[in-house]
Amino acid sequence: MSTLRKLREWLGKVEITGVGVTMTAELSDAYQTKGEGVSHILACVAKVFSDVHVVVLDVEAALRPLSDALLEPLKVASANWAATGWLVSRLVKNCVVVDVGSTSTSVIPVVGGRVSCDGKTDLEKLANGELVYTGVLRTNVATMVNSIPVGETCSRVSSELFALSGDVHLILGNIKPEEYTVETADGRGKTRYEALARLARVVCADTDMLSEQELSRMAQSIYNSQIEQVAGALRQVLGRTKLVARKRIPALVTGIGKESVARKAAEKAGFCEIVDLEDLIHNVEAAKASPAFGVALLAAEKLEGRALQWKQLSK
């Protein structure tokens, strides 16, 4: 609630004609069920934006009024991928979208200008490769690898929450300290040295026991594993879609990990052509947060009653 209020305050006197909503927070263990989470989140939105028309994205990339969304909470839970898929389908007729965020990766096939996902819920998408729970910042390193090369040997890892993917990407230079926008595993700072110390704990060691060079090699090994996880999902999705019969289907990359993870994974999966969403919409921030941008465009179209180009929204 407080974050939504801050957003409303930040907008100041800007006239708001509508609010489009998508969410993933309903999966938080703060809620007993997803239905409870959806209800609470939408109640907060309704309270803060009580004077504004609010619509909620569902898994079919349709916008529902609040009352309808509350009746079918699983239809609007974690539907953010649908906004990205809808946005891309307006720009590229056939492709596989790879959207890498802070926490997870969505793999979205687009066939004939339509989103062609087999899964609708997170459970279904995890099972069929359309969702990989790995991201640039918040992923527990212990979920990314079972073992890591350390010196001349290979060590199993501790399952404790000692280090995050953000530490790996910071060590390798894929992100800057200011781009490490989530809380660290130990609550300490976001310097390279502090990231190295956290990574050392993954093998129950510290920076007195392991050199910077050894820890950097560990980080590279973990990063390679993350790339393979996403590449494997890409192969799985591509293998069952009609796209497999086509020779040159591009991968379209988006999200904060579009270069460091999505592009590398697409190359590893064998894609010959890789398109950056930023090059199509010419907006850096929108390409990093394509679900939010997609929802905004959908909501604007609903209010206007006609199709819009994104440039019209930026004026």
Protein backbone atom coordinates (compact mmCIF):
# COMPACT_ATOMS: atom_id res chain seq x y z
CA MET A 1 0.00 0.00 0.00
CA SER A 2 2.76 2.45 0.94
CA THR A 3 4.54 1.90 -2.40
CA LEU A 4 1.35 2.59 -4.32
CA ARG A 5 0.79 5.76 -2.30
CA LYS A 6 4.33 6.91 -3.05
CA LEU A 7 3.66 6.28 -6.74
CA ARG A 8 0.51 8.36 -6.58
CA GLU A 9 2.38 11.14 -4.81
CA TRP A 10 5.24 10.96 -7.32
CA LEU A 11 2.77 11.42 -10.16
CA GLY A 12 1.68 14.62 -8.44
CA LYS A 13 -0.81 16.67 -10.41
CA VAL A 14 -0.52 14.56 -13.56
CA GLU A 15 -4.02 13.74 -14.78
CA ILE A 16 -4.55 9.96 -14.58
CA THR A 17 -7.33 8.70 -16.82
CA GLY A 18 -6.78 5.00 -16.17
CA VAL A 19 -4.59 2.44 -14.41
CA GLY A 20 -3.57 -0.92 -15.86
CA VAL A 21 -2.48 -3.57 -13.37
CA THR A 22 -0.43 -6.74 -13.56
CA MET A 23 1.24 -8.52 -10.67
CA THR A 24 3.47 -11.32 -9.47
CA ALA A 25 3.36 -10.50 -5.76
CA GLU A 26 0.45 -12.88 -5.16
CA LEU A 27 2.98 -15.73 -5.03
CA SER A 28 4.62 -14.18 -1.95
CA ASP A 29 4.53 -16.35 1.17
CA ALA A 30 2.86 -13.40 2.88
CA TYR A 31 -0.33 -14.94 1.48
CA GLN A 32 -1.75 -18.38 2.15
CA THR A 33 -3.07 -18.71 -1.41
CA LYS A 34 -2.77 -16.87 -4.70
CA GLY A 35 -6.43 -15.92 -4.47
CA GLU A 36 -5.79 -14.20 -1.16
CA GLY A 37 -2.80 -12.38 -2.66
CA VAL A 38 -4.70 -11.18 -5.72
CA SER A 39 -7.58 -9.94 -3.56
CA HIS A 40 -5.29 -8.01 -1.23
CA ILE A 41 -3.22 -6.46 -4.02
CA LEU A 42 -6.27 -5.34 -5.96
CA ALA A 43 -7.88 -3.96 -2.80
CA CYS A 44 -4.77 -1.81 -2.27
CA VAL A 45 -4.86 -0.58 -5.86
CA ALA A 46 -8.57 0.20 -5.60
CA LYS A 47 -8.02 2.21 -2.42
CA VAL A 48 -5.12 4.30 -3.70
CA PHE A 49 -6.67 4.87 -7.12
CA SER A 50 -10.30 5.06 -6.00
CA ASP A 51 -11.01 7.96 -8.34
CA VAL A 52 -9.51 6.29 -11.44
CA HIS A 53 -10.75 3.60 -13.81
CA VAL A 54 -8.71 0.45 -13.02
CA VAL A 55 -8.32 -2.56 -15.32
CA VAL A 56 -6.42 -5.78 -14.65
CA LEU A 57 -4.44 -7.85 -17.16
CA ASP A 58 -5.35 -11.51 -17.53
CA VAL A 59 -3.45 -14.43 -19.07
CA GLU A 60 -5.17 -13.91 -22.43
CA ALA A 61 -3.74 -10.37 -22.63
CA ALA A 62 -7.24 -8.97 -22.03
CA LEU A 63 -8.06 -6.24 -19.52
CA ARG A 64 -10.72 -6.96 -16.93
CA PRO A 65 -12.53 -4.65 -14.54
CA LEU A 66 -11.60 -5.12 -10.88
CA SER A 67 -14.84 -6.93 -10.09
CA ASP A 68 -14.22 -9.57 -12.78
CA ALA A 69 -10.59 -10.03 -11.76
CA LEU A 70 -11.61 -10.72 -8.16
CA LEU A 71 -14.01 -13.44 -9.32
CA GLU A 72 -11.27 -15.32 -11.22
CA PRO A 73 -8.00 -14.55 -9.41
CA LEU A 74 -5.96 -17.27 -11.14
CA LYS A 75 -6.76 -15.69 -14.51
CA VAL A 76 -4.93 -12.50 -13.50
CA ALA A 77 -2.21 -13.96 -11.26
CA SER A 78 1.31 -13.57 -12.73
CA ALA A 79 -0.05 -12.53 -16.12
CA ASN A 80 2.80 -10.09 -16.81
CA TRP A 81 4.24 -12.33 -19.57
CA ALA A 82 1.01 -11.92 -21.53
CA ALA A 83 1.60 -8.17 -21.84
CA THR A 84 5.11 -8.72 -23.19
CA GLY A 85 3.85 -11.35 -25.64
CA TRP A 86 1.04 -9.09 -26.84
CA LEU A 87 3.42 -6.17 -27.33
CA VAL A 88 5.92 -8.21 -29.31
CA SER A 89 3.22 -9.88 -31.42
CA ARG A 90 2.35 -6.42 -32.78
CA LEU A 91 5.92 -5.95 -33.93
CA VAL A 92 7.19 -9.38 -35.01
CA LYS A 93 5.10 -12.10 -36.66
CA ASN A 94 7.20 -15.13 -35.69
CA CYS A 95 9.77 -15.27 -32.89
CA VAL A 96 10.55 -16.59 -29.45
CA VAL A 97 10.63 -13.89 -26.78
CA VAL A 98 13.21 -14.21 -23.99
CA ASP A 99 12.36 -11.80 -21.17
CA VAL A 100 14.94 -11.95 -18.36
CA GLY A 101 14.08 -9.97 -15.26
CA SER A 102 15.46 -9.70 -11.75
CA THR A 103 13.87 -12.95 -10.58
CA SER A 104 12.64 -15.06 -13.47
CA THR A 105 12.75 -15.59 -17.21
CA SER A 106 9.74 -15.88 -19.52
CA VAL A 107 10.00 -17.74 -22.83
CA ILE A 108 7.11 -16.71 -25.08
CA PRO A 109 6.58 -18.16 -28.56
CA VAL A 110 4.86 -15.87 -31.07
CA VAL A 111 3.46 -17.64 -34.14
CA GLY A 112 1.66 -15.90 -36.98
CA GLY A 113 1.41 -12.68 -35.01
CA ARG A 114 -0.23 -14.37 -32.02
CA VAL A 115 1.08 -15.44 -28.63
CA SER A 116 1.29 -19.23 -28.72
CA CYS A 117 2.03 -20.25 -25.14
CA ASP A 118 0.85 -23.69 -23.96
CA GLY A 119 0.92 -22.70 -20.30
CA LYS A 120 -1.21 -20.08 -18.58
CA THR A 121 -0.31 -20.52 -14.91
CA ASP A 122 3.19 -20.43 -13.46
CA LEU A 123 2.87 -24.13 -12.64
CA GLU A 124 2.08 -25.02 -16.25
CA LYS A 125 4.78 -22.73 -17.60
CA LEU A 126 7.46 -24.14 -15.29
CA ALA A 127 6.58 -27.61 -16.52
CA ASN A 128 6.78 -26.79 -20.24
CA GLY A 129 9.80 -24.48 -20.32
CA GLU A 130 7.95 -21.19 -20.72
CA LEU A 131 9.07 -20.07 -17.27
CA VAL A 132 12.54 -20.45 -15.78
CA TYR A 133 12.96 -19.23 -12.22
CA THR A 134 16.30 -17.58 -12.76
CA GLY A 135 17.03 -13.88 -13.05
CA VAL A 136 19.77 -11.30 -12.93
CA LEU A 137 19.44 -10.18 -9.31
CA ARG A 138 17.35 -12.24 -6.90
CA THR A 139 18.09 -15.89 -7.69
CA ASN A 140 19.66 -17.98 -4.93
CA VAL A 141 23.00 -19.22 -6.29
CA ALA A 142 22.32 -22.63 -4.72
CA THR A 143 19.44 -23.11 -7.19
CA MET A 144 21.65 -22.33 -10.17
CA VAL A 145 24.29 -25.04 -9.62
CA ASN A 146 24.70 -28.31 -7.73
CA SER A 147 28.48 -28.07 -7.72
CA ILE A 148 31.20 -25.56 -8.62
CA PRO A 149 34.81 -26.00 -9.75
CA VAL A 150 37.07 -24.78 -6.95
CA GLY A 151 40.78 -24.90 -7.70
CA GLU A 152 41.65 -28.37 -8.92
CA THR A 153 38.51 -30.00 -7.56
CA CYS A 154 34.74 -29.66 -7.75
CA SER A 155 32.75 -28.78 -4.66
CA ARG A 156 29.11 -29.30 -3.81
CA VAL A 157 27.33 -26.15 -2.70
CA SER A 158 25.55 -25.15 0.48
CA SER A 159 21.80 -24.77 0.12
CA GLU A 160 21.76 -21.73 2.41
CA LEU A 161 20.86 -18.32 1.02
CA PHE A 162 24.44 -17.08 1.02
CA ALA A 163 24.67 -15.37 -2.37
CA LEU A 164 22.40 -14.19 -5.18
CA SER A 165 22.68 -14.00 -8.93
CA GLY A 166 23.22 -10.28 -8.45
CA ASP A 167 26.55 -11.10 -6.80
CA VAL A 168 27.58 -13.26 -9.76
CA HIS A 169 26.70 -10.57 -12.29
CA LEU A 170 28.37 -7.86 -10.22
CA ILE A 171 31.59 -9.87 -9.95
CA LEU A 172 31.63 -10.48 -13.70
CA GLY A 173 30.89 -6.85 -14.53
CA ASN A 174 27.49 -7.53 -16.07
CA ILE A 175 25.86 -5.03 -13.70
CA LYS A 176 27.08 -1.97 -11.82
CA PRO A 177 26.62 -1.62 -8.04
CA GLU A 178 23.80 0.88 -8.57
CA GLU A 179 22.00 -1.67 -10.75
CA TYR A 180 22.01 -4.18 -7.90
CA THR A 181 18.62 -2.89 -6.78
CA VAL A 182 17.55 -5.67 -4.41
CA GLU A 183 18.63 -6.44 -0.87
CA THR A 184 21.73 -8.60 -0.62
CA ALA A 185 21.64 -12.03 1.00
CA ASP A 186 23.60 -10.87 4.07
CA GLY A 187 22.29 -7.32 4.24
CA ARG A 188 25.75 -5.92 3.57
CA GLY A 189 26.88 -3.67 0.74
CA LYS A 190 27.17 -4.06 -3.01
CA THR A 191 30.87 -3.66 -3.66
CA ARG A 192 32.71 -6.30 -5.65
CA TYR A 193 34.61 -7.40 -2.54
CA GLU A 194 31.38 -7.91 -0.58
CA ALA A 195 29.94 -9.91 -3.49
CA LEU A 196 33.07 -12.10 -3.55
CA ALA A 197 32.70 -12.72 0.19
CA ARG A 198 29.10 -13.82 -0.24
CA LEU A 199 30.02 -16.15 -3.10
CA ALA A 200 32.75 -17.77 -1.02
CA ARG A 201 30.16 -18.80 1.57
CA VAL A 202 28.31 -20.83 -1.07
CA VAL A 203 31.09 -23.42 -0.73
CA CYS A 204 31.37 -22.75 3.03
CA ALA A 205 34.58 -20.76 2.62
CA ASP A 206 35.64 -17.11 2.88
CA THR A 207 37.95 -14.63 1.20
CA ASP A 208 40.89 -15.75 3.35
CA MET A 209 40.53 -19.27 1.97
CA LEU A 210 39.80 -18.46 -1.69
CA SER A 211 41.55 -15.93 -3.90
CA GLU A 212 39.77 -13.32 -6.01
CA GLN A 213 40.80 -15.25 -9.11
CA GLU A 214 39.31 -18.51 -7.77
CA LEU A 215 36.07 -16.75 -6.82
CA SER A 216 35.86 -15.10 -10.24
CA ARG A 217 36.18 -18.53 -11.88
CA MET A 218 33.38 -19.76 -9.63
CA ALA A 219 31.21 -16.83 -10.70
CA GLN A 220 31.87 -17.61 -14.36
CA SER A 221 30.91 -21.26 -13.85
CA ILE A 222 27.63 -20.26 -12.15
CA TYR A 223 26.90 -17.78 -14.94
CA ASN A 224 27.50 -20.46 -17.57
CA SER A 225 25.03 -22.69 -15.76
CA GLN A 226 22.40 -19.95 -15.76
CA ILE A 227 22.84 -19.45 -19.49
CA GLU A 228 22.38 -23.18 -20.07
CA GLN A 229 19.22 -23.25 -17.93
CA VAL A 230 17.61 -20.62 -20.14
CA ALA A 231 18.98 -22.14 -23.35
CA GLY A 232 17.49 -25.49 -22.35
CA ALA A 233 14.07 -23.90 -21.91
CA LEU A 234 14.40 -22.24 -25.30
CA ARG A 235 15.13 -25.58 -26.96
CA GLN A 236 12.16 -27.15 -25.15
CA VAL A 237 9.73 -24.44 -26.27
CA LEU A 238 11.03 -24.20 -29.81
CA GLY A 239 10.92 -27.97 -30.23
CA ARG A 240 7.16 -28.22 -29.76
CA THR A 241 5.97 -25.15 -31.67
CA LYS A 242 5.28 -24.68 -35.35
CA LEU A 243 8.32 -22.43 -35.39
CA VAL A 244 10.58 -25.46 -35.46
CA ALA A 245 9.74 -26.01 -39.14
CA ARG A 246 11.07 -22.59 -40.04
CA LYS A 247 14.77 -22.08 -40.63
CA ARG A 248 15.39 -18.54 -39.44
CA ILE A 249 13.17 -17.70 -36.50
CA PRO A 250 14.60 -14.86 -34.43
CA ALA A 251 14.86 -14.74 -30.68
CA LEU A 252 13.64 -11.41 -29.34
CA VAL A 253 15.36 -10.36 -26.12
CA THR A 254 14.02 -8.01 -23.48
CA GLY A 255 14.24 -7.30 -19.76
CA ILE A 256 17.13 -6.14 -17.58
CA GLY A 257 19.02 -9.31 -18.50
CA LYS A 258 18.46 -9.06 -22.24
CA GLU A 259 22.16 -8.77 -23.03
CA SER A 260 23.86 -10.64 -20.19
CA VAL A 261 21.51 -13.66 -20.14
CA ALA A 262 18.84 -13.66 -22.87
CA ARG A 263 21.16 -12.99 -25.81
CA LYS A 264 23.80 -15.47 -24.59
CA ALA A 265 21.17 -18.16 -24.01
CA ALA A 266 19.65 -17.61 -27.45
CA GLU A 267 23.07 -17.95 -29.06
CA LYS A 268 23.72 -21.14 -27.10
CA ALA A 269 20.33 -22.53 -28.15
CA GLY A 270 21.31 -22.04 -31.79
CA PHE A 271 19.37 -18.95 -32.83
CA CYS A 272 21.03 -17.27 -35.80
CA GLU A 273 19.08 -14.02 -35.53
CA ILE A 274 18.59 -12.13 -32.27
CA VAL A 275 16.47 -8.99 -32.08
CA ASP A 276 16.56 -6.51 -29.19
CA LEU A 277 13.15 -5.07 -28.29
CA GLU A 278 14.87 -1.76 -27.62
CA ASP A 279 15.78 -1.51 -31.31
CA LEU A 280 12.12 -1.87 -32.26
CA ILE A 281 10.57 0.58 -29.80
CA HIS A 282 13.58 2.87 -29.34
CA ASN A 283 13.04 3.18 -25.61
CA VAL A 284 15.61 1.82 -23.16
CA GLU A 285 13.45 1.83 -20.05
CA ALA A 286 10.45 0.29 -21.79
CA ALA A 287 12.62 -2.54 -23.10
CA LYS A 288 13.78 -3.26 -19.55
CA ALA A 289 10.20 -3.41 -18.25
CA SER A 290 8.21 -4.68 -21.21
CA PRO A 291 5.30 -6.11 -19.13
CA ALA A 292 4.60 -2.69 -17.59
CA PHE A 293 4.98 -0.99 -20.94
CA GLY A 294 2.67 -3.52 -22.57
CA VAL A 295 0.00 -3.07 -19.90
CA ALA A 296 0.22 0.71 -20.25
CA LEU A 297 -0.29 0.46 -24.01
CA LEU A 298 -3.17 -1.98 -23.60
CA ALA A 299 -4.87 0.29 -21.05
CA ALA A 300 -4.39 3.34 -23.26
CA GLU A 301 -5.93 1.52 -26.21
CA LYS A 302 -8.90 0.48 -24.10
CA LEU A 303 -9.48 4.04 -22.97
CA GLU A 304 -9.03 5.46 -26.47
CA GLY A 305 -11.04 2.72 -28.13
CA ARG A 306 -8.47 2.33 -30.90
CA ALA A 307 -5.04 0.88 -31.64
CA LEU A 308 -2.12 3.11 -30.69
CA GLN A 309 1.55 3.23 -31.56
CA TRP A 310 3.89 3.52 -28.59
CA LYS A 311 5.27 6.86 -29.83
CA GLN A 312 1.81 8.34 -29.36
CA LEU A 313 2.01 7.50 -25.66
CA SER A 314 5.32 9.28 -25.12
CA LYS A 315 4.06 12.66 -26.33
